[in-house]
């Protein structure tokens, strides 16, 4: 996994570890999205890139950008890293 993407994922983990006022469903959705990214990238994307991964991150950006702009910004950075990888 590229170092830049690792940094962005760690930043998201750090943000979630703080007391950001997220409801249980939002927090669970972000954790699930991070696990999905980790799993797909751990497989080194041996097959064709999966558009659902990018779609999931895009949906998360839309979901959090009004109430949690910092999280949305981190998610945008993750999107950019994925795009730089050709995903």
N, C-alpha and C. Protein backbone atom coordinates (compact mmCIF):
# COMPACT_ATOMS: atom_id res chain seq x y z
N UNK A 1 0.85 -1.16 0.00
CA UNK A 1 0.00 0.00 0.00
C UNK A 1 0.90 1.23 0.00
N UNK A 2 0.60 2.17 -0.87
CA UNK A 2 1.41 3.38 -0.92
C UNK A 2 1.41 4.12 0.42
N UNK A 3 2.54 4.72 0.72
CA UNK A 3 2.71 5.40 2.00
C UNK A 3 1.70 6.52 2.19
N UNK A 4 1.38 7.23 1.15
CA UNK A 4 0.43 8.34 1.24
C UNK A 4 -0.94 7.85 1.67
N UNK A 5 -1.38 6.74 1.06
CA UNK A 5 -2.67 6.17 1.42
C UNK A 5 -2.66 5.67 2.86
N UNK A 6 -1.56 5.07 3.27
CA UNK A 6 -1.44 4.61 4.65
C UNK A 6 -1.56 5.79 5.62
N UNK A 7 -0.95 6.92 5.26
CA UNK A 7 -1.03 8.11 6.10
C UNK A 7 -2.46 8.59 6.23
N UNK A 8 -3.18 8.61 5.11
CA UNK A 8 -4.56 9.09 5.13
C UNK A 8 -5.46 8.14 5.94
N UNK A 9 -5.25 6.86 5.78
CA UNK A 9 -6.04 5.90 6.56
C UNK A 9 -5.74 6.02 8.05
N UNK A 10 -4.47 6.24 8.38
CA UNK A 10 -4.12 6.41 9.79
C UNK A 10 -4.73 7.70 10.34
N UNK A 11 -4.75 8.74 9.53
CA UNK A 11 -5.36 10.00 9.95
C UNK A 11 -6.84 9.79 10.23
N UNK A 12 -7.52 9.02 9.39
CA UNK A 12 -8.93 8.73 9.61
C UNK A 12 -9.12 7.93 10.89
N UNK A 13 -8.26 6.94 11.12
CA UNK A 13 -8.32 6.17 12.37
C UNK A 13 -8.13 7.08 13.58
N UNK A 14 -7.17 7.99 13.49
CA UNK A 14 -6.90 8.92 14.59
C UNK A 14 -8.10 9.82 14.85
N UNK A 15 -8.72 10.30 13.79
CA UNK A 15 -9.89 11.16 13.94
C UNK A 15 -11.04 10.40 14.59
N UNK A 16 -11.22 9.15 14.21
CA UNK A 16 -12.29 8.35 14.80
C UNK A 16 -11.99 8.00 16.25
N UNK A 17 -10.73 7.98 16.61
CA UNK A 17 -10.36 7.66 18.00
C UNK A 17 -10.64 8.83 18.94
N UNK A 18 -10.78 10.03 18.38
CA UNK A 18 -11.12 11.18 19.22
C UNK A 18 -12.62 11.14 19.51
N UNK A 19 -13.07 12.10 20.24
CA UNK A 19 -14.48 12.14 20.62
C UNK A 19 -15.33 12.91 19.62
N UNK A 20 -15.17 12.60 18.34
CA UNK A 20 -16.00 13.22 17.32
C UNK A 20 -17.43 12.77 17.55
N UNK A 21 -18.38 13.70 17.56
CA UNK A 21 -19.76 13.32 17.83
C UNK A 21 -20.42 12.61 16.64
N UNK A 22 -20.16 11.32 16.53
CA UNK A 22 -20.76 10.50 15.48
C UNK A 22 -21.74 9.53 16.13
N UNK A 23 -22.85 9.28 15.43
CA UNK A 23 -23.73 8.26 15.99
C UNK A 23 -23.15 6.89 15.70
N UNK A 24 -23.69 5.89 16.33
CA UNK A 24 -23.15 4.53 16.25
C UNK A 24 -23.13 4.04 14.80
N UNK A 25 -24.17 4.32 14.04
CA UNK A 25 -24.24 3.85 12.65
C UNK A 25 -23.19 4.51 11.77
N UNK A 26 -22.97 5.82 11.96
CA UNK A 26 -21.96 6.52 11.17
C UNK A 26 -20.56 6.00 11.48
N UNK A 27 -20.28 5.82 12.75
CA UNK A 27 -18.97 5.30 13.15
C UNK A 27 -18.75 3.90 12.59
N UNK A 28 -19.79 3.06 12.68
CA UNK A 28 -19.70 1.69 12.16
C UNK A 28 -19.49 1.69 10.65
N UNK A 29 -20.17 2.60 9.95
CA UNK A 29 -20.02 2.68 8.49
C UNK A 29 -18.60 3.07 8.11
N UNK A 30 -18.01 4.02 8.82
CA UNK A 30 -16.63 4.42 8.53
C UNK A 30 -15.65 3.31 8.83
N UNK A 31 -15.84 2.62 9.95
CA UNK A 31 -14.95 1.51 10.30
C UNK A 31 -15.05 0.40 9.27
N UNK A 32 -16.26 0.12 8.81
CA UNK A 32 -16.45 -0.91 7.80
C UNK A 32 -15.79 -0.51 6.48
N UNK A 33 -15.91 0.76 6.11
CA UNK A 33 -15.29 1.26 4.89
C UNK A 33 -13.77 1.14 4.98
N UNK A 34 -13.19 1.48 6.12
CA UNK A 34 -11.74 1.35 6.29
C UNK A 34 -11.31 -0.11 6.20
N UNK A 35 -12.08 -1.02 6.77
CA UNK A 35 -11.74 -2.44 6.68
C UNK A 35 -11.79 -2.91 5.24
N UNK A 36 -12.80 -2.44 4.50
CA UNK A 36 -12.92 -2.82 3.09
C UNK A 36 -11.71 -2.33 2.29
N UNK A 37 -11.29 -1.11 2.54
CA UNK A 37 -10.11 -0.58 1.85
C UNK A 37 -8.88 -1.40 2.21
N UNK A 38 -8.69 -1.67 3.48
CA UNK A 38 -7.54 -2.47 3.92
C UNK A 38 -7.53 -3.85 3.28
N UNK A 39 -8.69 -4.51 3.27
CA UNK A 39 -8.76 -5.86 2.69
C UNK A 39 -8.47 -5.87 1.21
N UNK A 40 -9.07 -4.93 0.49
CA UNK A 40 -8.87 -4.91 -0.96
C UNK A 40 -7.45 -4.54 -1.33
N UNK A 41 -6.85 -3.66 -0.58
CA UNK A 41 -5.47 -3.28 -0.88
C UNK A 41 -4.49 -4.34 -0.41
N UNK A 42 -4.83 -5.08 0.62
CA UNK A 42 -3.97 -6.17 1.09
C UNK A 42 -3.86 -7.25 0.02
N UNK A 43 -4.87 -7.40 -0.76
CA UNK A 43 -4.84 -8.39 -1.85
C UNK A 43 -4.08 -7.86 -3.05
N UNK A 44 -3.53 -6.64 -2.89
CA UNK A 44 -2.72 -6.00 -3.93
C UNK A 44 -3.50 -5.79 -5.23
N UNK A 45 -4.82 -5.79 -5.10
CA UNK A 45 -5.68 -5.55 -6.25
C UNK A 45 -5.27 -6.39 -7.45
N UNK A 46 -5.10 -7.69 -7.22
CA UNK A 46 -4.66 -8.62 -8.25
C UNK A 46 -5.64 -8.65 -9.42
N UNK A 47 -6.89 -8.43 -9.14
CA UNK A 47 -7.88 -8.41 -10.22
C UNK A 47 -8.12 -6.98 -10.65
N UNK A 48 -9.12 -6.80 -11.47
CA UNK A 48 -9.46 -5.46 -11.94
C UNK A 48 -9.90 -4.60 -10.76
N UNK A 49 -9.61 -3.32 -10.82
CA UNK A 49 -10.02 -2.43 -9.73
C UNK A 49 -11.53 -2.50 -9.50
N UNK A 50 -11.92 -2.40 -8.27
CA UNK A 50 -13.32 -2.51 -7.87
C UNK A 50 -13.90 -1.11 -7.69
N UNK A 51 -14.82 -0.75 -8.58
CA UNK A 51 -15.43 0.58 -8.52
C UNK A 51 -16.26 0.78 -7.26
N UNK A 52 -16.73 -0.30 -6.65
CA UNK A 52 -17.56 -0.16 -5.46
C UNK A 52 -16.77 0.42 -4.30
N UNK A 53 -15.48 0.19 -4.27
CA UNK A 53 -14.63 0.76 -3.21
C UNK A 53 -14.65 2.29 -3.30
N UNK A 54 -14.42 2.81 -4.48
CA UNK A 54 -14.42 4.26 -4.69
C UNK A 54 -15.82 4.81 -4.45
N UNK A 55 -16.84 4.09 -4.91
CA UNK A 55 -18.22 4.54 -4.67
C UNK A 55 -18.51 4.64 -3.19
N UNK A 56 -18.05 3.68 -2.41
CA UNK A 56 -18.27 3.70 -0.98
C UNK A 56 -17.61 4.89 -0.31
N UNK A 57 -16.40 5.22 -0.75
CA UNK A 57 -15.71 6.38 -0.18
C UNK A 57 -16.42 7.67 -0.59
N UNK A 58 -16.85 7.74 -1.86
CA UNK A 58 -17.60 8.92 -2.31
C UNK A 58 -18.88 9.12 -1.50
N UNK A 59 -19.59 8.04 -1.25
CA UNK A 59 -20.81 8.13 -0.45
C UNK A 59 -20.51 8.62 0.97
N UNK A 60 -19.40 8.14 1.52
CA UNK A 60 -19.02 8.59 2.86
C UNK A 60 -18.68 10.07 2.87
N UNK A 61 -18.01 10.56 1.83
CA UNK A 61 -17.70 11.99 1.74
C UNK A 61 -18.99 12.79 1.75
N UNK A 62 -19.94 12.38 0.91
CA UNK A 62 -21.22 13.10 0.85
C UNK A 62 -21.95 13.05 2.19
N UNK A 63 -21.87 11.93 2.85
CA UNK A 63 -22.58 11.74 4.11
C UNK A 63 -22.05 12.64 5.22
N UNK A 64 -20.73 12.86 5.24
CA UNK A 64 -20.11 13.55 6.35
C UNK A 64 -19.67 14.98 6.07
N UNK A 65 -19.75 15.45 4.82
CA UNK A 65 -19.16 16.74 4.52
C UNK A 65 -19.85 17.92 5.20
N UNK A 66 -21.12 17.85 5.48
CA UNK A 66 -21.76 19.01 6.11
C UNK A 66 -21.54 19.05 7.63
N UNK A 67 -21.62 17.91 8.29
CA UNK A 67 -21.49 17.90 9.74
C UNK A 67 -20.07 17.61 10.24
N UNK A 68 -19.28 16.94 9.43
CA UNK A 68 -17.92 16.57 9.84
C UNK A 68 -16.94 16.85 8.70
N UNK A 69 -16.67 18.13 8.43
CA UNK A 69 -15.82 18.48 7.29
C UNK A 69 -14.40 17.93 7.39
N UNK A 70 -13.87 17.77 8.58
CA UNK A 70 -12.52 17.22 8.72
C UNK A 70 -12.49 15.77 8.26
N UNK A 71 -13.48 15.00 8.67
CA UNK A 71 -13.57 13.60 8.22
C UNK A 71 -13.73 13.55 6.70
N UNK A 72 -14.59 14.41 6.18
CA UNK A 72 -14.82 14.43 4.73
C UNK A 72 -13.53 14.77 3.98
N UNK A 73 -12.75 15.70 4.52
CA UNK A 73 -11.48 16.05 3.90
C UNK A 73 -10.51 14.88 3.89
N UNK A 74 -10.46 14.14 4.98
CA UNK A 74 -9.60 12.96 5.04
C UNK A 74 -10.06 11.92 4.04
N UNK A 75 -11.37 11.74 3.95
CA UNK A 75 -11.91 10.78 2.98
C UNK A 75 -11.59 11.21 1.54
N UNK A 76 -11.63 12.52 1.28
CA UNK A 76 -11.25 13.01 -0.06
C UNK A 76 -9.78 12.71 -0.35
N UNK A 77 -8.93 12.85 0.67
CA UNK A 77 -7.52 12.51 0.49
C UNK A 77 -7.35 11.03 0.16
N UNK A 78 -8.14 10.19 0.81
CA UNK A 78 -8.11 8.76 0.51
C UNK A 78 -8.55 8.51 -0.92
N UNK A 79 -9.61 9.21 -1.36
CA UNK A 79 -10.06 9.09 -2.75
C UNK A 79 -8.95 9.46 -3.72
N UNK A 80 -8.27 10.56 -3.42
CA UNK A 80 -7.19 11.00 -4.31
C UNK A 80 -6.07 9.97 -4.36
N UNK A 81 -5.72 9.40 -3.22
CA UNK A 81 -4.69 8.37 -3.20
C UNK A 81 -5.11 7.15 -4.02
N UNK A 82 -6.37 6.76 -3.89
CA UNK A 82 -6.87 5.64 -4.68
C UNK A 82 -6.83 5.97 -6.17
N UNK A 83 -7.19 7.20 -6.51
CA UNK A 83 -7.15 7.62 -7.93
C UNK A 83 -5.73 7.59 -8.45
N UNK A 84 -4.78 8.03 -7.63
CA UNK A 84 -3.37 8.01 -8.04
C UNK A 84 -2.87 6.58 -8.27
N UNK A 85 -3.51 5.62 -7.60
CA UNK A 85 -3.14 4.22 -7.77
C UNK A 85 -3.86 3.60 -8.97
N UNK A 86 -4.74 4.37 -9.61
CA UNK A 86 -5.48 3.85 -10.76
C UNK A 86 -6.75 3.12 -10.38
N UNK A 87 -7.23 3.38 -9.20
CA UNK A 87 -8.44 2.69 -8.73
C UNK A 87 -9.62 3.62 -8.89
